[in-house]
Amino acid sequence: MGFGTGFAIYFIIWWVVLFTVLPFSARSQADAGDVTLGTAHSAPADFRFSPIFWRTTLISGAVFAAYFLITVVGGYSLDDLIALAPDFKPAAN
């Protein structure tokens, strides 16, 4: 895997993890009891991106490391991983 490919895969993993982590520990203005005039009640109260950024980066690094170990070090491809999954057949009616 080249540097560009690895960076692209990490970048995609980072964005997916960001949108997964973003709702955790989020408090709306309605939850905080302090709704600013002209904003939605569901708008975040006291939003700080720094903890979310570092949490996302840490989780993405772990996911990418697992992917790297399985594919590059272990020598498995995506097709090999799919072949390990059991065949799901719909139930006969």
PDB file of N, CA and C in Angstrom:
ATOM      1  N   MET A   1       0.857  -1.163   0.000  1.00  0.00           N
ATOM      2  CA  MET A   1       0.000   0.000   0.000  1.00  0.00           C
ATOM      3  C   MET A   1       0.906   1.230   0.000  1.00  0.00           C
ATOM      4  N   GLY A   2       0.678   2.113  -0.939  1.00  0.00           N
ATOM      5  CA  GLY A   2       1.450   3.342  -1.016  1.00  0.00           C
ATOM      6  C   GLY A   2       0.973   4.370  -0.007  1.00  0.00           C
ATOM      7  N   PHE A   3       1.770   5.434   0.138  1.00  0.00           N
ATOM      8  CA  PHE A   3       1.415   6.483   1.097  1.00  0.00           C
ATOM      9  C   PHE A   3       0.092   7.154   0.724  1.00  0.00           C
ATOM     10  N   GLY A   4      -0.101   7.445  -0.555  1.00  0.00           N
ATOM     11  CA  GLY A   4      -1.333   8.107  -0.995  1.00  0.00           C
ATOM     12  C   GLY A   4      -2.562   7.264  -0.735  1.00  0.00           C
ATOM     13  N   THR A   5      -2.454   5.967  -1.016  1.00  0.00           N
ATOM     14  CA  THR A   5      -3.581   5.061  -0.769  1.00  0.00           C
ATOM     15  C   THR A   5      -3.883   4.961   0.723  1.00  0.00           C
ATOM     16  N   GLY A   6      -2.830   4.824   1.527  1.00  0.00           N
ATOM     17  CA  GLY A   6      -3.020   4.741   2.974  1.00  0.00           C
ATOM     18  C   GLY A   6      -3.635   6.006   3.539  1.00  0.00           C
ATOM     19  N   PHE A   7      -3.164   7.169   3.034  1.00  0.00           N
ATOM     20  CA  PHE A   7      -3.724   8.435   3.505  1.00  0.00           C
ATOM     21  C   PHE A   7      -5.194   8.568   3.105  1.00  0.00           C
ATOM     22  N   ALA A   8      -5.535   8.151   1.888  1.00  0.00           N
ATOM     23  CA  ALA A   8      -6.929   8.242   1.437  1.00  0.00           C
ATOM     24  C   ALA A   8      -7.833   7.349   2.279  1.00  0.00           C
ATOM     25  N   ILE A   9      -7.369   6.138   2.590  1.00  0.00           N
ATOM     26  CA  ILE A   9      -8.161   5.232   3.413  1.00  0.00           C
ATOM     27  C   ILE A   9      -8.325   5.795   4.822  1.00  0.00           C
ATOM     28  N   TYR A  10      -7.228   6.327   5.386  1.00  0.00           N
ATOM     29  CA  TYR A  10      -7.318   6.932   6.725  1.00  0.00           C
ATOM     30  C   TYR A  10      -8.274   8.129   6.718  1.00  0.00           C
ATOM     31  N   PHE A  11      -8.224   8.945   5.673  1.00  0.00           N
ATOM     32  CA  PHE A  11      -9.083  10.125   5.565  1.00  0.00           C
ATOM     33  C   PHE A  11     -10.557   9.717   5.546  1.00  0.00           C
ATOM     34  N   ILE A  12     -10.885   8.668   4.804  1.00  0.00           N
ATOM     35  CA  ILE A  12     -12.273   8.199   4.740  1.00  0.00           C
ATOM     36  C   ILE A  12     -12.702   7.643   6.099  1.00  0.00           C
ATOM     37  N   ILE A  13     -11.820   6.853   6.721  1.00  0.00           N
ATOM     38  CA  ILE A  13     -12.126   6.320   8.055  1.00  0.00           C
ATOM     39  C   ILE A  13     -12.332   7.467   9.033  1.00  0.00           C
ATOM     40  N   TRP A  14     -11.504   8.518   8.958  1.00  0.00           N
ATOM     41  CA  TRP A  14     -11.594   9.647   9.883  1.00  0.00           C
ATOM     42  C   TRP A  14     -12.958  10.336   9.763  1.00  0.00           C
ATOM     43  N   TRP A  15     -13.433  10.563   8.535  1.00  0.00           N
ATOM     44  CA  TRP A  15     -14.723  11.235   8.353  1.00  0.00           C
ATOM     45  C   TRP A  15     -15.883  10.375   8.839  1.00  0.00           C
ATOM     46  N   VAL A  16     -15.828   9.075   8.592  1.00  0.00           N
ATOM     47  CA  VAL A  16     -16.893   8.188   9.069  1.00  0.00           C
ATOM     48  C   VAL A  16     -16.923   8.181  10.595  1.00  0.00           C
ATOM     49  N   VAL A  17     -15.750   8.088  11.217  1.00  0.00           N
ATOM     50  CA  VAL A  17     -15.676   8.089  12.679  1.00  0.00           C
ATOM     51  C   VAL A  17     -16.124   9.446  13.234  1.00  0.00           C
ATOM     52  N   LEU A  18     -15.785  10.541  12.552  1.00  0.00           N
ATOM     53  CA  LEU A  18     -16.215  11.867  13.019  1.00  0.00           C
ATOM     54  C   LEU A  18     -17.728  11.940  13.147  1.00  0.00           C
ATOM     55  N   PHE A  19     -18.428  11.507  12.110  1.00  0.00           N
ATOM     56  CA  PHE A  19     -19.889  11.592  12.157  1.00  0.00           C
ATOM     57  C   PHE A  19     -20.489  10.554  13.101  1.00  0.00           C
ATOM     58  N   THR A  20     -19.708   9.547  13.481  1.00  0.00           N
ATOM     59  CA  THR A  20     -20.160   8.591  14.484  1.00  0.00           C
ATOM     60  C   THR A  20     -19.962   9.153  15.889  1.00  0.00           C
ATOM     61  N   VAL A  21     -18.850   9.849  16.120  1.00  0.00           N
ATOM     62  CA  VAL A  21     -18.484  10.359  17.442  1.00  0.00           C
ATOM     63  C   VAL A  21     -19.184  11.685  17.754  1.00  0.00           C
ATOM     64  N   LEU A  22     -19.521  12.445  16.744  1.00  0.00           N
ATOM     65  CA  LEU A  22     -20.049  13.800  16.928  1.00  0.00           C
ATOM     66  C   LEU A  22     -21.250  13.894  17.873  1.00  0.00           C
ATOM     67  N   PRO A  23     -22.236  13.008  17.806  1.00  0.00           N
ATOM     68  CA  PRO A  23     -23.386  13.166  18.706  1.00  0.00           C
ATOM     69  C   PRO A  23     -23.112  12.821  20.175  1.00  0.00           C
ATOM     70  N   PHE A  24     -22.034  12.068  20.452  1.00  0.00           N
ATOM     71  CA  PHE A  24     -21.762  11.676  21.833  1.00  0.00           C
ATOM     72  C   PHE A  24     -21.378  12.893  22.660  1.00  0.00           C
ATOM     73  N   SER A  25     -21.890  12.969  23.832  1.00  0.00           N
ATOM     74  CA  SER A  25     -21.652  14.047  24.803  1.00  0.00           C
ATOM     75  C   SER A  25     -22.060  15.418  24.281  1.00  0.00           C
ATOM     76  N   ALA A  26     -22.971  15.450  23.330  1.00  0.00           N
ATOM     77  CA  ALA A  26     -23.471  16.724  22.822  1.00  0.00           C
ATOM     78  C   ALA A  26     -24.710  17.120  23.627  1.00  0.00           C
ATOM     79  N   ARG A  27     -24.728  18.369  24.057  1.00  0.00           N
ATOM     80  CA  ARG A  27     -25.882  18.900  24.780  1.00  0.00           C
ATOM     81  C   ARG A  27     -26.491  20.018  23.965  1.00  0.00           C
ATOM     82  N   SER A  28     -27.791  19.969  23.801  1.00  0.00           N
ATOM     83  CA  SER A  28     -28.465  21.027  23.067  1.00  0.00           C
ATOM     84  C   SER A  28     -28.704  22.221  23.985  1.00  0.00           C
ATOM     85  N   GLN A  29     -29.046  23.337  23.381  1.00  0.00           N
ATOM     86  CA  GLN A  29     -29.347  24.530  24.179  1.00  0.00           C
ATOM     87  C   GLN A  29     -30.579  24.296  25.039  1.00  0.00           C
ATOM     88  N   ALA A  30     -31.505  23.498  24.547  1.00  0.00           N
ATOM     89  CA  ALA A  30     -32.700  23.200  25.338  1.00  0.00           C
ATOM     90  C   ALA A  30     -32.331  22.364  26.563  1.00  0.00           C
ATOM     91  N   ASP A  31     -31.385  21.422  26.395  1.00  0.00           N
ATOM     92  CA  ASP A  31     -30.935  20.628  27.539  1.00  0.00           C
ATOM     93  C   ASP A  31     -30.225  21.497  28.568  1.00  0.00           C
ATOM     94  N   ALA A  32     -29.449  22.462  28.088  1.00  0.00           N
ATOM     95  CA  ALA A  32     -28.714  23.341  28.998  1.00  0.00           C
ATOM     96  C   ALA A  32     -29.616  24.386  29.633  1.00  0.00           C
ATOM     97  N   GLY A  33     -30.789  24.614  29.058  1.00  0.00           N
ATOM     98  CA  GLY A  33     -31.720  25.594  29.602  1.00  0.00           C
ATOM     99  C   GLY A  33     -31.365  27.030  29.254  1.00  0.00           C
ATOM    100  N   ASP A  34     -30.508  27.217  28.254  1.00  0.00           N
ATOM    101  CA  ASP A  34     -30.089  28.558  27.849  1.00  0.00           C
ATOM    102  C   ASP A  34     -30.150  28.657  26.336  1.00  0.00           C
ATOM    103  N   VAL A  35     -31.343  28.981  25.808  1.00  0.00           N
ATOM    104  CA  VAL A  35     -31.539  29.077  24.366  1.00  0.00           C
ATOM    105  C   VAL A  35     -31.275  30.515  23.933  1.00  0.00           C
ATOM    106  N   THR A  36     -30.307  30.674  23.026  1.00  0.00           N
ATOM    107  CA  THR A  36     -29.961  31.992  22.498  1.00  0.00           C
ATOM    108  C   THR A  36     -31.034  32.413  21.506  1.00  0.00           C
ATOM    109  N   LEU A  37     -31.462  33.651  21.602  1.00  0.00           N
ATOM    110  CA  LEU A  37     -32.507  34.179  20.732  1.00  0.00           C
ATOM    111  C   LEU A  37     -32.061  34.101  19.276  1.00  0.00           C
ATOM    112  N   GLY A  38     -32.904  33.556  18.427  1.00  0.00           N
ATOM    113  CA  GLY A  38     -32.613  33.455  17.003  1.00  0.00           C
ATOM    114  C   GLY A  38     -31.967  32.139  16.594  1.00  0.00           C
ATOM    115  N   THR A  39     -31.790  31.228  17.540  1.00  0.00           N
ATOM    116  CA  THR A  39     -31.218  29.922  17.203  1.00  0.00           C
ATOM    117  C   THR A  39     -32.240  28.836  17.497  1.00  0.00           C
ATOM    118  N   ALA A  40     -32.009  27.665  16.922  1.00  0.00           N
ATOM    119  CA  ALA A  40     -32.899  26.533  17.159  1.00  0.00           C
ATOM    120  C   ALA A  40     -32.651  25.982  18.563  1.00  0.00           C
ATOM    121  N   HIS A  41     -33.681  25.412  19.139  1.00  0.00           N
ATOM    122  CA  HIS A  41     -33.549  24.812  20.474  1.00  0.00           C
ATOM    123  C   HIS A  41     -32.577  23.641  20.457  1.00  0.00           C
ATOM    124  N   SER A  42     -32.430  23.001  19.292  1.00  0.00           N
ATOM    125  CA  SER A  42     -31.563  21.831  19.191  1.00  0.00           C
ATOM    126  C   SER A  42     -30.111  22.184  18.870  1.00  0.00           C
ATOM    127  N   ALA A  43     -29.807  23.471  18.759  1.00  0.00           N
ATOM    128  CA  ALA A  43     -28.427  23.885  18.485  1.00  0.00           C
ATOM    129  C   ALA A  43     -27.537  23.515  19.667  1.00  0.00           C
ATOM    130  N   PRO A  44     -26.276  23.150  19.387  1.00  0.00           N
ATOM    131  CA  PRO A  44     -25.398  22.742  20.486  1.00  0.00           C
ATOM    132  C   PRO A  44     -25.087  23.892  21.438  1.00  0.00           C
ATOM    133  N   ALA A  45     -24.973  23.553  22.706  1.00  0.00           N
ATOM    134  CA  ALA A  45     -24.587  24.531  23.718  1.00  0.00           C
ATOM    135  C   ALA A  45     -23.114  24.325  24.033  1.00  0.00           C
ATOM    136  N   ASP A  46     -22.341  25.375  23.980  1.00  0.00           N
ATOM    137  CA  ASP A  46     -20.915  25.338  24.318  1.00  0.00           C
ATOM    138  C   ASP A  46     -20.177  24.271  23.518  1.00  0.00           C
ATOM    139  N   PHE A  47     -20.244  24.387  22.190  1.00  0.00           N
ATOM    140  CA  PHE A  47     -19.605  23.415  21.312  1.00  0.00           C
ATOM    141  C   PHE A  47     -18.100  23.657  21.273  1.00  0.00           C
ATOM    142  N   ARG A  48     -17.321  22.590  21.519  1.00  0.00           N
ATOM    143  CA  ARG A  48     -15.859  22.639  21.428  1.00  0.00           C
ATOM    144  C   ARG A  48     -15.416  21.506  20.509  1.00  0.00           C
ATOM    145  N   PHE A  49     -14.700  21.849  19.457  1.00  0.00           N
ATOM    146  CA  PHE A  49     -14.310  20.858  18.467  1.00  0.00           C
ATOM    147  C   PHE A  49     -13.038  20.110  18.851  1.00  0.00           C
ATOM    148  N   SER A  50     -12.198  20.702  19.674  1.00  0.00           N
ATOM    149  CA  SER A  50     -10.910  20.094  19.994  1.00  0.00           C
ATOM    150  C   SER A  50     -11.026  18.695  20.600  1.00  0.00           C
ATOM    151  N   PRO A  51     -11.857  18.459  21.628  1.00  0.00           N
ATOM    152  CA  PRO A  51     -11.961  17.090  22.158  1.00  0.00           C
ATOM    153  C   PRO A  51     -12.524  16.105  21.134  1.00  0.00           C
ATOM    154  N   ILE A  52     -13.454  16.570  20.317  1.00  0.00           N
ATOM    155  CA  ILE A  52     -14.037  15.714  19.291  1.00  0.00           C
ATOM    156  C   ILE A  52     -12.981  15.354  18.255  1.00  0.00           C
ATOM    157  N   PHE A  53     -12.159  16.334  17.867  1.00  0.00           N
ATOM    158  CA  PHE A  53     -11.092  16.103  16.890  1.00  0.00           C
ATOM    159  C   PHE A  53     -10.114  15.044  17.394  1.00  0.00           C
ATOM    160  N   TRP A  54      -9.656  15.184  18.627  1.00  0.00           N
ATOM    161  CA  TRP A  54      -8.673  14.235  19.158  1.00  0.00           C
ATOM    162  C   TRP A  54      -9.262  12.857  19.388  1.00  0.00           C
ATOM    163  N   ARG A  55     -10.508  12.789  19.827  1.00  0.00           N
ATOM    164  CA  ARG A  55     -11.170  11.496  20.006  1.00  0.00           C
ATOM    165  C   ARG A  55     -11.338  10.799  18.655  1.00  0.00           C
ATOM    166  N   THR A  56     -11.735  11.555  17.644  1.00  0.00           N
ATOM    167  CA  THR A  56     -11.890  11.004  16.305  1.00  0.00           C
ATOM    168  C   THR A  56     -10.561  10.515  15.752  1.00  0.00           C
ATOM    169  N   THR A  57      -9.505  11.294  15.949  1.00  0.00           N
ATOM    170  CA  THR A  57      -8.183  10.918  15.455  1.00  0.00           C
ATOM    171  C   THR A  57      -7.675   9.653  16.131  1.00  0.00           C
ATOM    172  N   LEU A  58      -7.891   9.523  17.415  1.00  0.00           N
ATOM    173  CA  LEU A  58      -7.443   8.339  18.151  1.00  0.00           C
ATOM    174  C   LEU A  58      -8.188   7.080  17.704  1.00  0.00           C
ATOM    175  N   ILE A  59      -9.502   7.165  17.597  1.00  0.00           N
ATOM    176  CA  ILE A  59     -10.294   6.015  17.169  1.00  0.00           C
ATOM    177  C   ILE A  59      -9.974   5.653  15.722  1.00  0.00           C
ATOM    178  N   SER A  60      -9.820   6.652  14.860  1.00  0.00           N
ATOM    179  CA  SER A  60      -9.487   6.400  13.453  1.00  0.00           C
ATOM    180  C   SER A  60      -8.125   5.742  13.325  1.00  0.00           C
ATOM    181  N   GLY A  61      -7.181   6.154  14.143  1.00  0.00           N
ATOM    182  CA  GLY A  61      -5.860   5.531  14.125  1.00  0.00           C
ATOM    183  C   GLY A  61      -5.933   4.067  14.497  1.00  0.00           C
ATOM    184  N   ALA A  62      -6.761   3.733  15.488  1.00  0.00           N
ATOM    185  CA  ALA A  62      -6.914   2.332  15.892  1.00  0.00           C
ATOM    186  C   ALA A  62      -7.585   1.509  14.797  1.00  0.00           C
ATOM    187  N   VAL A  63      -8.609   2.064  14.165  1.00  0.00           N
ATOM    188  CA  VAL A  63      -9.296   1.348  13.085  1.00  0.00           C
ATOM    189  C   VAL A  63      -8.360   1.159  11.892  1.00  0.00           C
ATOM    190  N   PHE A  64      -7.606   2.211  11.549  1.00  0.00           N
ATOM    191  CA  PHE A  64      -6.668   2.103  10.429  1.00  0.00           C
ATOM    192  C   PHE A  64      -5.552   1.112  10.748  1.00  0.00           C
ATOM    193  N   ALA A  65      -5.078   1.093  11.979  1.00  0.00           N
ATOM    194  CA  ALA A  65      -4.035   0.137  12.368  1.00  0.00           C
ATOM    195  C   ALA A  65      -4.549  -1.293  12.227  1.00  0.00           C
ATOM    196  N   ALA A  66      -5.783  -1.553  12.627  1.00  0.00           N
ATOM    197  CA  ALA A  66      -6.368  -2.892  12.469  1.00  0.00           C
ATOM    198  C   ALA A  66      -6.479  -3.248  10.992  1.00  0.00           C
ATOM    199  N   TYR A  67      -6.944  -2.302  10.182  1.00  0.00           N
ATOM    200  CA  TYR A  67      -7.032  -2.529   8.731  1.00  0.00           C
ATOM    201  C   TYR A  67      -5.655  -2.803   8.142  1.00  0.00           C
ATOM    202  N   PHE A  68      -4.657  -2.034   8.541  1.00  0.00           N
ATOM    203  CA  PHE A  68      -3.298  -2.199   8.029  1.00  0.00           C
ATOM    204  C   PHE A  68      -2.734  -3.557   8.431  1.00  0.00           C
ATOM    205  N   LEU A  69      -2.936  -3.955   9.667  1.00  0.00           N
ATOM    206  CA  LEU A  69      -2.427  -5.249  10.131  1.00  0.00           C
ATOM    207  C   LEU A  69      -3.085  -6.412   9.404  1.00  0.00           C
ATOM    208  N   ILE A  70      -4.372  -6.308   9.164  1.00  0.00           N
ATOM    209  CA  ILE A  70      -5.086  -7.392   8.492  1.00  0.00           C
ATOM    210  C   ILE A  70      -4.694  -7.478   7.021  1.00  0.00           C
ATOM    211  N   THR A  71      -4.626  -6.344   6.336  1.00  0.00           N
ATOM    212  CA  THR A  71      -4.403  -6.379   4.894  1.00  0.00           C
ATOM    213  C   THR A  71      -2.934  -6.434   4.514  1.00  0.00           C
ATOM    214  N   VAL A  72      -2.102  -5.596   5.092  1.00  0.00           N
ATOM    215  CA  VAL A  72      -0.702  -5.529   4.673  1.00  0.00           C
ATOM    216  C   VAL A  72       0.141  -6.573   5.391  1.00  0.00           C
ATOM    217  N   VAL A  73       0.056  -6.613   6.700  1.00  0.00           N
ATOM    218  CA  VAL A  73       0.881  -7.549   7.463  1.00  0.00           C
ATOM    219  C   VAL A  73       0.336  -8.971   7.347  1.00  0.00           C
ATOM    220  N   GLY A  74      -0.974  -9.125   7.492  1.00  0.00           N
ATOM    221  CA  GLY A  74      -1.584 -10.451   7.424  1.00  0.00           C
ATOM    222  C   GLY A  74      -1.719 -10.985   6.013  1.00  0.00           C
ATOM    223  N   GLY A  75      -1.724 -10.117   5.030  1.00  0.00           N
ATOM    224  CA  GLY A  75      -1.809 -10.543   3.636  1.00  0.00           C
ATOM    225  C   GLY A  75      -3.205 -10.865   3.155  1.00  0.00           C
ATOM    226  N   TYR A  76      -4.226 -10.497   3.905  1.00  0.00           N
ATOM    227  CA  TYR A  76      -5.599 -10.746   3.482  1.00  0.00           C
ATOM    228  C   TYR A  76      -6.085  -9.583   2.618  1.00  0.00           C
ATOM    229  N   SER A  77      -6.897  -9.899   1.637  1.00  0.00           N
ATOM    230  CA  SER A  77      -7.526  -8.854   0.838  1.00  0.00           C
ATOM    231  C   SER A  77      -8.980  -8.712   1.277  1.00  0.00           C
ATOM    232  N   LEU A  78      -9.646  -7.733   0.739  1.00  0.00           N
ATOM    233  CA  LEU A  78     -11.054  -7.537   1.072  1.00  0.00           C
ATOM    234  C   LEU A  78     -11.883  -8.737   0.606  1.00  0.00           C
ATOM    235  N   ASP A  79     -11.517  -9.319  -0.539  1.00  0.00           N
ATOM    236  CA  ASP A  79     -12.228 -10.505  -1.025  1.00  0.00           C
ATOM    237  C   ASP A  79     -12.069 -11.688  -0.071  1.00  0.00           C
ATOM    238  N   ASP A  80     -10.873 -11.831   0.518  1.00  0.00           N
ATOM    239  CA  ASP A  80     -10.658 -12.913   1.486  1.00  0.00           C
ATOM    240  C   ASP A  80     -11.526 -12.724   2.715  1.00  0.00           C
ATOM    241  N   LEU A  81     -11.661 -11.487   3.180  1.00  0.00           N
ATOM    242  CA  LEU A  81     -12.475 -11.220   4.368  1.00  0.00           C
ATOM    243  C   LEU A  81     -13.951 -11.465   4.097  1.00  0.00           C
ATOM    244  N   ILE A  82     -14.406 -11.129   2.897  1.00  0.00           N
ATOM    245  CA  ILE A  82     -15.796 -11.368   2.531  1.00  0.00           C
ATOM    246  C   ILE A  82     -16.063 -12.869   2.443  1.00  0.00           C
ATOM    247  N   ALA A  83     -15.062 -13.632   1.953  1.00  0.00           N
ATOM    248  CA  ALA A  83     -15.225 -15.077   1.821  1.00  0.00           C
ATOM    249  C   ALA A  83     -15.319 -15.763   3.187  1.00  0.00           C
ATOM    250  N   LEU A  84     -14.798 -15.138   4.244  1.00  0.00           N
ATOM    251  CA  LEU A  84     -14.870 -15.721   5.580  1.00  0.00           C
ATOM    252  C   LEU A  84     -16.266 -15.631   6.188  1.00  0.00           C
ATOM    253  N   ALA A  85     -17.066 -14.709   5.708  1.00  0.00           N
ATOM    254  CA  ALA A  85     -18.417 -14.520   6.233  1.00  0.00           C
ATOM    255  C   ALA A  85     -19.314 -15.686   5.800  1.00  0.00           C
ATOM    256  N   PRO A  86     -20.183 -16.130   6.680  1.00  0.00           N
ATOM    257  CA  PRO A  86     -21.066 -17.243   6.304  1.00  0.00           C
ATOM    258  C   PRO A  86     -22.057 -16.795   5.234  1.00  0.00           C
ATOM    259  N   ASP A  87     -22.472 -17.755   4.415  1.00  0.00           N
ATOM    260  CA  ASP A  87     -23.473 -17.463   3.389  1.00  0.00           C
ATOM    261  C   ASP A  87     -24.841 -17.334   4.054  1.00  0.00           C
ATOM    262  N   PHE A  88     -25.501 -16.237   3.784  1.00  0.00           N
ATOM    263  CA  PHE A  88     -26.841 -16.029   4.314  1.00  0.00           C
ATOM    264  C   PHE A  88     -27.844 -16.330   3.212  1.00  0.00           C
ATOM    265  N   LYS A  89     -28.694 -17.278   3.481  1.00  0.00           N
ATOM    266  CA  LYS A  89     -29.708 -17.649   2.501  1.00  0.00           C
ATOM    267  C   LYS A  89     -31.073 -17.310   3.082  1.00  0.00           C
ATOM    268  N   PRO A  90     -31.932 -16.746   2.260  1.00  0.00           N
ATOM    269  CA  PRO A  90     -33.257 -16.409   2.789  1.00  0.00           C
ATOM    270  C   PRO A  90     -34.036 -17.679   3.148  1.00  0.00           C
ATOM    271  N   ALA A  91     -34.848 -17.554   4.158  1.00  0.00           N
ATOM    272  CA  ALA A  91     -35.647 -18.691   4.610  1.00  0.00           C
ATOM    273  C   ALA A  91     -36.716 -19.018   3.559  1.00  0.00           C
ATOM    274  N   ALA A  92     -36.916 -20.296   3.356  1.00  0.00           N
ATOM    275  CA  ALA A  92     -37.945 -20.732   2.403  1.00  0.00           C
ATOM    276  C   ALA A  92     -39.317 -20.586   3.040  1.00  0.00           C
ATOM    277  N   ASN A  93     -40.255 -20.094   2.273  1.00  0.00           N
ATOM    278  CA  ASN A  93     -41.625 -19.905   2.802  1.00  0.00           C
ATOM    279  C   ASN A  93     -42.488 -21.065   2.448  1.00  0.00           C
TER     280      ASN A  93
END
